[in-house]
């Protein structure tokens, strides 16, 4: 099994959910105004411990995506 960090951003007014691999990736798609917080704020806000940040515009959570390793020999036959 592998665990991959995922950051979930729920935009409140738009009822839209987006998923990112890093805080930096959030700001390649959304502006600080759309998120309701600056990149620097989120980097220091404590999301890594499974925390949740709520702004007037968004709910931001960090979680773990759990995947299983694929066994190629089973998949091919």
N, C-alpha and C. Protein backbone atom coordinates (compact mmCIF):
# COMPACT_ATOMS: atom_id res chain seq x y z
N UNK A 1 0.83 -1.18 0.00
CA UNK A 1 0.00 0.00 0.00
C UNK A 1 0.87 1.25 0.00
N UNK A 2 0.36 2.27 -0.63
CA UNK A 2 1.03 3.57 -0.67
C UNK A 2 0.07 4.63 -0.15
N UNK A 3 0.62 5.64 0.50
CA UNK A 3 -0.18 6.77 0.96
C UNK A 3 0.31 8.02 0.24
N UNK A 4 -0.61 8.75 -0.36
CA UNK A 4 -0.28 9.96 -1.10
C UNK A 4 -1.05 11.12 -0.48
N UNK A 5 -0.33 12.22 -0.24
CA UNK A 5 -0.96 13.41 0.33
C UNK A 5 -1.90 14.04 -0.69
N UNK A 6 -3.09 14.43 -0.24
CA UNK A 6 -4.07 15.09 -1.08
C UNK A 6 -4.64 16.28 -0.31
N UNK A 7 -4.74 17.42 -0.98
CA UNK A 7 -5.35 18.58 -0.36
C UNK A 7 -6.67 18.85 -1.08
N UNK A 8 -7.75 18.82 -0.31
CA UNK A 8 -9.10 19.01 -0.82
C UNK A 8 -9.51 20.45 -0.56
N UNK A 9 -9.92 21.14 -1.62
CA UNK A 9 -10.40 22.52 -1.51
C UNK A 9 -11.85 22.54 -1.95
N UNK A 10 -12.73 22.88 -1.02
CA UNK A 10 -14.16 23.03 -1.32
C UNK A 10 -14.46 24.52 -1.39
N UNK A 11 -14.82 24.99 -2.58
CA UNK A 11 -15.17 26.40 -2.75
C UNK A 11 -16.63 26.56 -2.36
N UNK A 12 -16.87 27.30 -1.29
CA UNK A 12 -18.22 27.40 -0.70
C UNK A 12 -19.26 27.98 -1.64
N UNK A 13 -19.03 29.16 -2.18
CA UNK A 13 -20.03 29.83 -3.01
C UNK A 13 -20.31 29.11 -4.31
N UNK A 14 -19.32 28.44 -4.85
CA UNK A 14 -19.46 27.78 -6.15
C UNK A 14 -19.84 26.31 -6.01
N UNK A 15 -19.84 25.80 -4.79
CA UNK A 15 -20.10 24.37 -4.56
C UNK A 15 -19.25 23.51 -5.47
N UNK A 16 -17.98 23.79 -5.44
CA UNK A 16 -17.01 23.11 -6.32
C UNK A 16 -15.92 22.49 -5.46
N UNK A 17 -15.51 21.28 -5.78
CA UNK A 17 -14.46 20.58 -5.06
C UNK A 17 -13.29 20.34 -5.99
N UNK A 18 -12.09 20.69 -5.50
CA UNK A 18 -10.86 20.48 -6.25
C UNK A 18 -9.87 19.74 -5.37
N UNK A 19 -9.01 18.94 -5.97
CA UNK A 19 -8.04 18.13 -5.24
C UNK A 19 -6.65 18.41 -5.78
N UNK A 20 -5.69 18.61 -4.87
CA UNK A 20 -4.34 19.00 -5.25
C UNK A 20 -3.32 18.13 -4.51
N UNK A 21 -2.12 18.06 -5.07
CA UNK A 21 -1.02 17.32 -4.46
C UNK A 21 -0.16 18.16 -3.55
N UNK A 22 -0.33 19.48 -3.58
CA UNK A 22 0.44 20.37 -2.72
C UNK A 22 -0.27 21.70 -2.57
N UNK A 23 0.13 22.46 -1.57
CA UNK A 23 -0.43 23.80 -1.37
C UNK A 23 -0.03 24.69 -2.54
N UNK A 24 1.19 24.56 -3.01
CA UNK A 24 1.64 25.37 -4.15
C UNK A 24 0.77 25.12 -5.38
N UNK A 25 0.35 23.89 -5.59
CA UNK A 25 -0.49 23.56 -6.75
C UNK A 25 -1.84 24.26 -6.69
N UNK A 26 -2.36 24.49 -5.49
CA UNK A 26 -3.63 25.21 -5.34
C UNK A 26 -3.56 26.55 -6.05
N UNK A 27 -2.44 27.26 -5.83
CA UNK A 27 -2.31 28.62 -6.35
C UNK A 27 -1.89 28.66 -7.82
N UNK A 28 -1.69 27.51 -8.44
CA UNK A 28 -1.49 27.48 -9.89
C UNK A 28 -2.84 27.47 -10.60
N UNK A 29 -3.92 27.18 -9.85
CA UNK A 29 -5.26 27.12 -10.41
C UNK A 29 -6.15 28.23 -9.85
N UNK A 30 -6.04 28.50 -8.56
CA UNK A 30 -6.89 29.47 -7.88
C UNK A 30 -6.07 30.65 -7.37
N UNK A 31 -6.73 31.78 -7.23
CA UNK A 31 -6.07 32.96 -6.66
C UNK A 31 -6.26 32.96 -5.15
N UNK A 32 -5.46 33.76 -4.47
CA UNK A 32 -5.60 33.90 -3.01
C UNK A 32 -6.99 34.42 -2.66
N UNK A 33 -7.57 35.25 -3.49
CA UNK A 33 -8.91 35.78 -3.25
C UNK A 33 -9.97 34.67 -3.34
N UNK A 34 -9.80 33.75 -4.28
CA UNK A 34 -10.74 32.64 -4.43
C UNK A 34 -10.66 31.67 -3.25
N UNK A 35 -9.46 31.48 -2.72
CA UNK A 35 -9.24 30.58 -1.59
C UNK A 35 -9.60 31.26 -0.27
N UNK A 36 -9.38 32.56 -0.22
CA UNK A 36 -9.64 33.30 1.01
C UNK A 36 -8.45 33.31 1.95
N UNK A 37 -7.29 32.90 1.46
CA UNK A 37 -6.07 32.87 2.27
C UNK A 37 -4.86 32.86 1.33
N UNK A 38 -3.77 33.40 1.81
CA UNK A 38 -2.55 33.40 1.01
C UNK A 38 -1.85 32.04 1.08
N UNK A 39 -0.98 31.81 0.14
CA UNK A 39 -0.18 30.59 0.11
C UNK A 39 0.65 30.47 1.39
N UNK A 40 1.26 31.56 1.81
CA UNK A 40 2.09 31.56 3.01
C UNK A 40 1.28 31.18 4.25
N UNK A 41 0.04 31.66 4.32
CA UNK A 41 -0.83 31.33 5.45
C UNK A 41 -1.07 29.82 5.50
N UNK A 42 -1.44 29.24 4.36
CA UNK A 42 -1.72 27.80 4.34
C UNK A 42 -0.49 26.97 4.63
N UNK A 43 0.68 27.43 4.16
CA UNK A 43 1.91 26.69 4.41
C UNK A 43 2.23 26.61 5.90
N UNK A 44 1.79 27.58 6.68
CA UNK A 44 2.09 27.62 8.11
C UNK A 44 0.86 27.31 8.99
N UNK A 45 -0.25 26.92 8.39
CA UNK A 45 -1.50 26.78 9.13
C UNK A 45 -1.67 25.43 9.83
N UNK A 46 -0.84 24.47 9.53
CA UNK A 46 -0.95 23.18 10.21
C UNK A 46 -1.85 22.18 9.55
N UNK A 47 -1.92 22.17 8.25
CA UNK A 47 -2.73 21.18 7.55
C UNK A 47 -2.15 19.78 7.63
N UNK A 48 -0.85 19.67 7.82
CA UNK A 48 -0.18 18.37 7.76
C UNK A 48 -0.65 17.37 8.81
N UNK A 49 -1.18 17.83 9.91
CA UNK A 49 -1.67 16.92 10.94
C UNK A 49 -3.11 16.53 10.75
N UNK A 50 -3.62 16.67 9.54
CA UNK A 50 -5.01 16.33 9.27
C UNK A 50 -5.96 17.46 9.63
N UNK A 51 -5.42 18.66 9.75
CA UNK A 51 -6.23 19.81 10.12
C UNK A 51 -7.12 20.31 8.99
N UNK A 52 -8.03 21.18 9.36
CA UNK A 52 -8.95 21.80 8.42
C UNK A 52 -8.86 23.31 8.60
N UNK A 53 -8.78 24.03 7.49
CA UNK A 53 -8.79 25.48 7.51
C UNK A 53 -10.08 25.94 6.84
N UNK A 54 -10.82 26.80 7.52
CA UNK A 54 -12.04 27.35 6.96
C UNK A 54 -11.86 28.84 6.75
N UNK A 55 -12.10 29.29 5.53
CA UNK A 55 -12.09 30.71 5.22
C UNK A 55 -13.50 31.09 4.78
N UNK A 56 -13.71 32.36 4.51
CA UNK A 56 -15.04 32.77 4.05
C UNK A 56 -15.35 32.22 2.66
N UNK A 57 -14.32 31.82 1.92
CA UNK A 57 -14.50 31.34 0.55
C UNK A 57 -14.36 29.84 0.38
N UNK A 58 -13.62 29.18 1.28
CA UNK A 58 -13.28 27.77 1.04
C UNK A 58 -13.06 27.01 2.34
N UNK A 59 -13.16 25.70 2.22
CA UNK A 59 -12.76 24.78 3.28
C UNK A 59 -11.61 23.97 2.71
N UNK A 60 -10.47 23.98 3.40
CA UNK A 60 -9.27 23.31 2.91
C UNK A 60 -8.88 22.23 3.89
N UNK A 61 -8.73 21.00 3.41
CA UNK A 61 -8.36 19.87 4.25
C UNK A 61 -7.22 19.11 3.59
N UNK A 62 -6.35 18.60 4.42
CA UNK A 62 -5.31 17.70 3.90
C UNK A 62 -5.64 16.30 4.38
N UNK A 63 -5.53 15.34 3.49
CA UNK A 63 -5.83 13.96 3.82
C UNK A 63 -4.85 13.05 3.10
N UNK A 64 -5.08 11.77 3.21
CA UNK A 64 -4.21 10.78 2.59
C UNK A 64 -5.03 9.90 1.66
N UNK A 65 -4.55 9.76 0.44
CA UNK A 65 -5.14 8.85 -0.52
C UNK A 65 -4.38 7.54 -0.40
N UNK A 66 -5.09 6.48 -0.12
CA UNK A 66 -4.45 5.17 0.05
C UNK A 66 -4.65 4.37 -1.22
N UNK A 67 -3.55 3.90 -1.78
CA UNK A 67 -3.60 3.11 -3.00
C UNK A 67 -2.92 1.77 -2.74
N UNK A 68 -3.22 0.81 -3.59
CA UNK A 68 -2.53 -0.47 -3.49
C UNK A 68 -1.57 -0.59 -4.65
N UNK A 69 -0.52 -1.32 -4.43
CA UNK A 69 0.44 -1.55 -5.50
C UNK A 69 -0.15 -2.57 -6.46
N UNK A 70 0.07 -2.34 -7.75
CA UNK A 70 -0.44 -3.27 -8.75
C UNK A 70 0.57 -4.39 -8.97
N UNK A 71 0.06 -5.60 -9.08
CA UNK A 71 0.89 -6.74 -9.40
C UNK A 71 0.74 -6.99 -10.90
N UNK A 72 1.72 -6.62 -11.68
CA UNK A 72 1.63 -6.69 -13.14
C UNK A 72 1.42 -8.12 -13.64
N UNK A 73 2.00 -9.12 -12.99
CA UNK A 73 1.85 -10.50 -13.49
C UNK A 73 0.42 -10.98 -13.37
N UNK A 74 -0.30 -10.55 -12.36
CA UNK A 74 -1.72 -10.93 -12.22
C UNK A 74 -2.59 -10.20 -13.22
N UNK A 75 -2.27 -8.94 -13.53
CA UNK A 75 -3.06 -8.15 -14.44
C UNK A 75 -2.96 -8.65 -15.88
N UNK A 76 -1.87 -9.33 -16.22
CA UNK A 76 -1.65 -9.76 -17.60
C UNK A 76 -2.09 -11.20 -17.87
N UNK A 77 -2.71 -11.85 -16.95
CA UNK A 77 -3.03 -13.21 -17.30
C UNK A 77 -3.97 -13.82 -16.42
